[in-house]
Amino acid sequence: MEIKKKIWPRHFKEIEEGRKKFEVRLADFEVKEGDILVLEEFDPLTKKYTGRAIRKKINFVTKFNPMEFNDAELIKKHGLYGIGIE
């Protein structure tokens, strides 16, 4: 299955350059290993798609609740890291 999602230019570039090897997304859709993630570059300033897209095969999926690790106020204050590993 193909899943299309918006991605901001900074993150698009990081994936395009091969530096970013993960995505953190709200789990409001179905996804499984083997699906194709189509990331469509979206400019938040103009609120328009740029026309560029990257297709990536999904090789790992995990679902988690960040509230299990910390309380909402700390997450709000500090944010979360997405950490890629090799």
N, C-alpha and C. Protein backbone atom coordinates (compact mmCIF):
# COMPACT_ATOMS: atom_id res chain seq x y z
N MET A 1 0.84 -1.18 0.00
CA MET A 1 0.00 0.00 0.00
C MET A 1 0.89 1.24 0.00
N GLU A 2 0.45 2.29 -0.66
CA GLU A 2 1.13 3.59 -0.64
C GLU A 2 0.44 4.52 0.34
N ILE A 3 1.24 5.22 1.12
CA ILE A 3 0.73 6.17 2.10
C ILE A 3 1.36 7.52 1.79
N LYS A 4 0.55 8.53 1.52
CA LYS A 4 1.05 9.87 1.19
C LYS A 4 0.96 10.77 2.42
N LYS A 5 2.06 11.49 2.69
CA LYS A 5 2.12 12.41 3.82
C LYS A 5 2.89 13.66 3.41
N LYS A 6 2.51 14.79 4.01
CA LYS A 6 3.24 16.04 3.82
C LYS A 6 4.56 15.96 4.56
N ILE A 7 5.56 16.68 4.05
CA ILE A 7 6.81 16.83 4.77
C ILE A 7 7.37 18.21 4.47
N TRP A 8 7.84 18.89 5.50
CA TRP A 8 8.39 20.23 5.33
C TRP A 8 9.74 20.18 4.63
N PRO A 9 10.12 21.25 3.93
CA PRO A 9 11.35 21.26 3.12
C PRO A 9 12.61 20.84 3.88
N ARG A 10 12.78 21.29 5.11
CA ARG A 10 14.00 20.94 5.86
C ARG A 10 14.12 19.42 6.02
N HIS A 11 13.02 18.78 6.39
CA HIS A 11 13.04 17.34 6.59
C HIS A 11 13.14 16.59 5.26
N PHE A 12 12.51 17.12 4.22
CA PHE A 12 12.61 16.54 2.88
C PHE A 12 14.07 16.50 2.46
N LYS A 13 14.78 17.61 2.64
CA LYS A 13 16.19 17.70 2.26
C LYS A 13 17.04 16.69 3.03
N GLU A 14 16.78 16.55 4.34
CA GLU A 14 17.55 15.60 5.15
C GLU A 14 17.37 14.17 4.66
N ILE A 15 16.16 13.81 4.24
CA ILE A 15 15.91 12.48 3.70
C ILE A 15 16.56 12.35 2.34
N GLU A 16 16.40 13.36 1.51
CA GLU A 16 16.98 13.36 0.17
C GLU A 16 18.50 13.16 0.23
N GLU A 17 19.15 13.79 1.21
CA GLU A 17 20.61 13.68 1.38
C GLU A 17 21.03 12.37 2.05
N GLY A 18 20.06 11.60 2.52
CA GLY A 18 20.36 10.32 3.14
C GLY A 18 20.72 10.40 4.61
N ARG A 19 20.55 11.59 5.22
CA ARG A 19 20.91 11.76 6.63
C ARG A 19 19.77 11.37 7.57
N LYS A 20 18.54 11.55 7.15
CA LYS A 20 17.38 11.26 8.02
C LYS A 20 16.79 9.91 7.61
N LYS A 21 16.79 8.96 8.54
CA LYS A 21 16.35 7.61 8.24
C LYS A 21 15.22 7.16 9.17
N PHE A 22 14.34 8.08 9.52
CA PHE A 22 13.21 7.76 10.38
C PHE A 22 12.12 8.80 10.16
N GLU A 23 10.92 8.49 10.56
CA GLU A 23 9.81 9.44 10.59
C GLU A 23 9.05 9.21 11.88
N VAL A 24 8.62 10.26 12.51
CA VAL A 24 7.75 10.18 13.68
C VAL A 24 6.44 10.82 13.25
N ARG A 25 5.36 10.06 13.30
CA ARG A 25 4.06 10.53 12.83
C ARG A 25 2.96 10.18 13.82
N LEU A 26 1.93 10.99 13.84
CA LEU A 26 0.73 10.67 14.61
C LEU A 26 0.16 9.36 14.06
N ALA A 27 -0.18 8.45 14.93
CA ALA A 27 -0.64 7.12 14.52
C ALA A 27 -2.14 7.14 14.21
N ASP A 28 -2.53 8.00 13.27
CA ASP A 28 -3.94 8.13 12.90
C ASP A 28 -4.25 7.48 11.55
N PHE A 29 -3.38 6.54 11.14
CA PHE A 29 -3.57 5.83 9.88
C PHE A 29 -2.95 4.44 10.03
N GLU A 30 -3.34 3.54 9.14
CA GLU A 30 -2.80 2.18 9.16
C GLU A 30 -1.48 2.16 8.39
N VAL A 31 -0.49 1.44 8.92
CA VAL A 31 0.81 1.31 8.26
C VAL A 31 1.43 -0.01 8.68
N LYS A 32 2.18 -0.63 7.76
CA LYS A 32 2.87 -1.86 8.10
C LYS A 32 4.17 -1.95 7.30
N GLU A 33 5.05 -2.82 7.77
CA GLU A 33 6.30 -3.05 7.06
C GLU A 33 6.00 -3.48 5.64
N GLY A 34 6.77 -2.95 4.69
CA GLY A 34 6.57 -3.26 3.28
C GLY A 34 5.75 -2.22 2.54
N ASP A 35 4.98 -1.40 3.26
CA ASP A 35 4.24 -0.31 2.62
C ASP A 35 5.23 0.71 2.05
N ILE A 36 4.75 1.55 1.16
CA ILE A 36 5.56 2.63 0.57
C ILE A 36 5.07 3.95 1.15
N LEU A 37 6.00 4.70 1.74
CA LEU A 37 5.70 6.03 2.27
C LEU A 37 6.10 7.05 1.22
N VAL A 38 5.13 7.82 0.73
CA VAL A 38 5.37 8.86 -0.26
C VAL A 38 5.35 10.19 0.50
N LEU A 39 6.51 10.81 0.62
CA LEU A 39 6.63 12.08 1.34
C LEU A 39 6.61 13.21 0.32
N GLU A 40 5.57 14.03 0.38
CA GLU A 40 5.38 15.12 -0.57
C GLU A 40 5.78 16.43 0.10
N GLU A 41 6.78 17.08 -0.49
CA GLU A 41 7.30 18.32 0.10
C GLU A 41 6.22 19.40 0.10
N PHE A 42 6.04 20.01 1.28
CA PHE A 42 4.99 21.02 1.50
C PHE A 42 5.63 22.22 2.18
N ASP A 43 5.45 23.39 1.59
CA ASP A 43 6.02 24.62 2.15
C ASP A 43 5.02 25.24 3.12
N PRO A 44 5.34 25.27 4.43
CA PRO A 44 4.39 25.80 5.41
C PRO A 44 4.18 27.31 5.28
N LEU A 45 5.11 28.01 4.64
CA LEU A 45 4.96 29.46 4.48
C LEU A 45 3.94 29.80 3.39
N THR A 46 4.04 29.10 2.26
CA THR A 46 3.11 29.36 1.16
C THR A 46 1.85 28.49 1.26
N LYS A 47 1.94 27.46 2.12
CA LYS A 47 0.85 26.50 2.29
C LYS A 47 0.53 25.77 0.98
N LYS A 48 1.61 25.46 0.23
CA LYS A 48 1.47 24.77 -1.06
C LYS A 48 2.50 23.65 -1.17
N TYR A 49 2.13 22.62 -1.92
CA TYR A 49 3.06 21.57 -2.25
C TYR A 49 4.06 22.09 -3.28
N THR A 50 5.32 21.62 -3.20
CA THR A 50 6.35 22.08 -4.14
C THR A 50 6.36 21.26 -5.42
N GLY A 51 5.72 20.08 -5.38
CA GLY A 51 5.74 19.19 -6.54
C GLY A 51 6.80 18.10 -6.41
N ARG A 52 7.65 18.18 -5.39
CA ARG A 52 8.68 17.16 -5.20
C ARG A 52 8.18 16.10 -4.22
N ALA A 53 8.59 14.87 -4.45
CA ALA A 53 8.19 13.77 -3.58
C ALA A 53 9.31 12.73 -3.51
N ILE A 54 9.35 12.04 -2.40
CA ILE A 54 10.30 10.94 -2.20
C ILE A 54 9.48 9.71 -1.80
N ARG A 55 9.82 8.58 -2.40
CA ARG A 55 9.17 7.30 -2.07
C ARG A 55 10.15 6.45 -1.28
N LYS A 56 9.70 5.95 -0.13
CA LYS A 56 10.56 5.12 0.72
C LYS A 56 9.78 3.88 1.17
N LYS A 57 10.45 2.73 1.11
CA LYS A 57 9.84 1.51 1.61
C LYS A 57 9.97 1.48 3.13
N ILE A 58 8.89 1.13 3.80
CA ILE A 58 8.87 1.07 5.26
C ILE A 58 9.43 -0.28 5.69
N ASN A 59 10.51 -0.23 6.52
CA ASN A 59 11.12 -1.48 6.96
C ASN A 59 10.95 -1.75 8.45
N PHE A 60 10.35 -0.80 9.19
CA PHE A 60 10.14 -0.98 10.62
C PHE A 60 9.04 -0.04 11.08
N VAL A 61 8.13 -0.55 11.90
CA VAL A 61 7.07 0.28 12.47
C VAL A 61 6.93 -0.07 13.95
N THR A 62 6.87 0.93 14.79
CA THR A 62 6.55 0.71 16.19
C THR A 62 5.59 1.81 16.62
N LYS A 63 4.65 1.45 17.44
CA LYS A 63 3.67 2.42 17.94
C LYS A 63 3.89 2.58 19.44
N PHE A 64 3.89 3.82 19.91
CA PHE A 64 4.09 4.05 21.33
C PHE A 64 3.30 5.25 21.78
N ASN A 65 3.07 5.33 23.08
CA ASN A 65 2.38 6.46 23.68
C ASN A 65 3.41 7.26 24.47
N PRO A 66 3.74 8.48 24.05
CA PRO A 66 4.77 9.24 24.77
C PRO A 66 4.40 9.54 26.22
N MET A 67 3.13 9.49 26.55
CA MET A 67 2.71 9.75 27.92
C MET A 67 3.14 8.63 28.87
N GLU A 68 3.49 7.46 28.31
CA GLU A 68 4.00 6.37 29.14
C GLU A 68 5.39 6.67 29.68
N PHE A 69 6.12 7.58 29.01
CA PHE A 69 7.51 7.85 29.37
C PHE A 69 7.66 9.11 30.22
N ASN A 70 6.81 10.09 30.02
CA ASN A 70 6.86 11.36 30.74
C ASN A 70 5.47 11.96 30.81
N ASP A 71 5.33 13.00 31.60
CA ASP A 71 4.01 13.64 31.64
C ASP A 71 3.90 14.68 30.52
N ALA A 72 2.69 15.04 30.22
CA ALA A 72 2.40 15.93 29.09
C ALA A 72 3.09 17.28 29.22
N GLU A 73 3.21 17.82 30.41
CA GLU A 73 3.84 19.13 30.58
C GLU A 73 5.33 19.09 30.24
N LEU A 74 6.01 18.02 30.62
CA LEU A 74 7.43 17.90 30.28
C LEU A 74 7.62 17.72 28.77
N ILE A 75 6.75 16.93 28.17
CA ILE A 75 6.83 16.76 26.71
C ILE A 75 6.56 18.08 26.02
N LYS A 76 5.56 18.83 26.51
CA LYS A 76 5.24 20.14 25.95
C LYS A 76 6.44 21.10 26.08
N LYS A 77 7.08 21.07 27.24
CA LYS A 77 8.20 21.97 27.52
C LYS A 77 9.45 21.62 26.70
N HIS A 78 9.78 20.34 26.63
CA HIS A 78 11.05 19.92 26.02
C HIS A 78 10.92 19.33 24.63
N GLY A 79 9.73 18.85 24.28
CA GLY A 79 9.57 18.15 23.01
C GLY A 79 10.09 16.73 23.11
N LEU A 80 10.15 16.05 21.98
CA LEU A 80 10.65 14.69 21.89
C LEU A 80 11.77 14.64 20.87
N TYR A 81 12.67 13.70 21.02
CA TYR A 81 13.68 13.42 20.01
C TYR A 81 13.23 12.23 19.19
N GLY A 82 13.49 12.27 17.93
CA GLY A 82 13.45 11.08 17.09
C GLY A 82 14.91 10.74 16.86
N ILE A 83 15.34 9.56 17.22
CA ILE A 83 16.75 9.22 17.15
C ILE A 83 16.92 8.06 16.18
N GLY A 84 17.69 8.29 15.15
CA GLY A 84 18.00 7.23 14.19
C GLY A 84 19.25 6.50 14.63
N ILE A 85 19.26 5.21 14.42
CA ILE A 85 20.43 4.42 14.76
C ILE A 85 20.79 3.49 13.60
N GLU A 86 22.04 3.11 13.52
CA GLU A 86 22.50 2.17 12.47
C GLU A 86 23.11 0.96 13.11
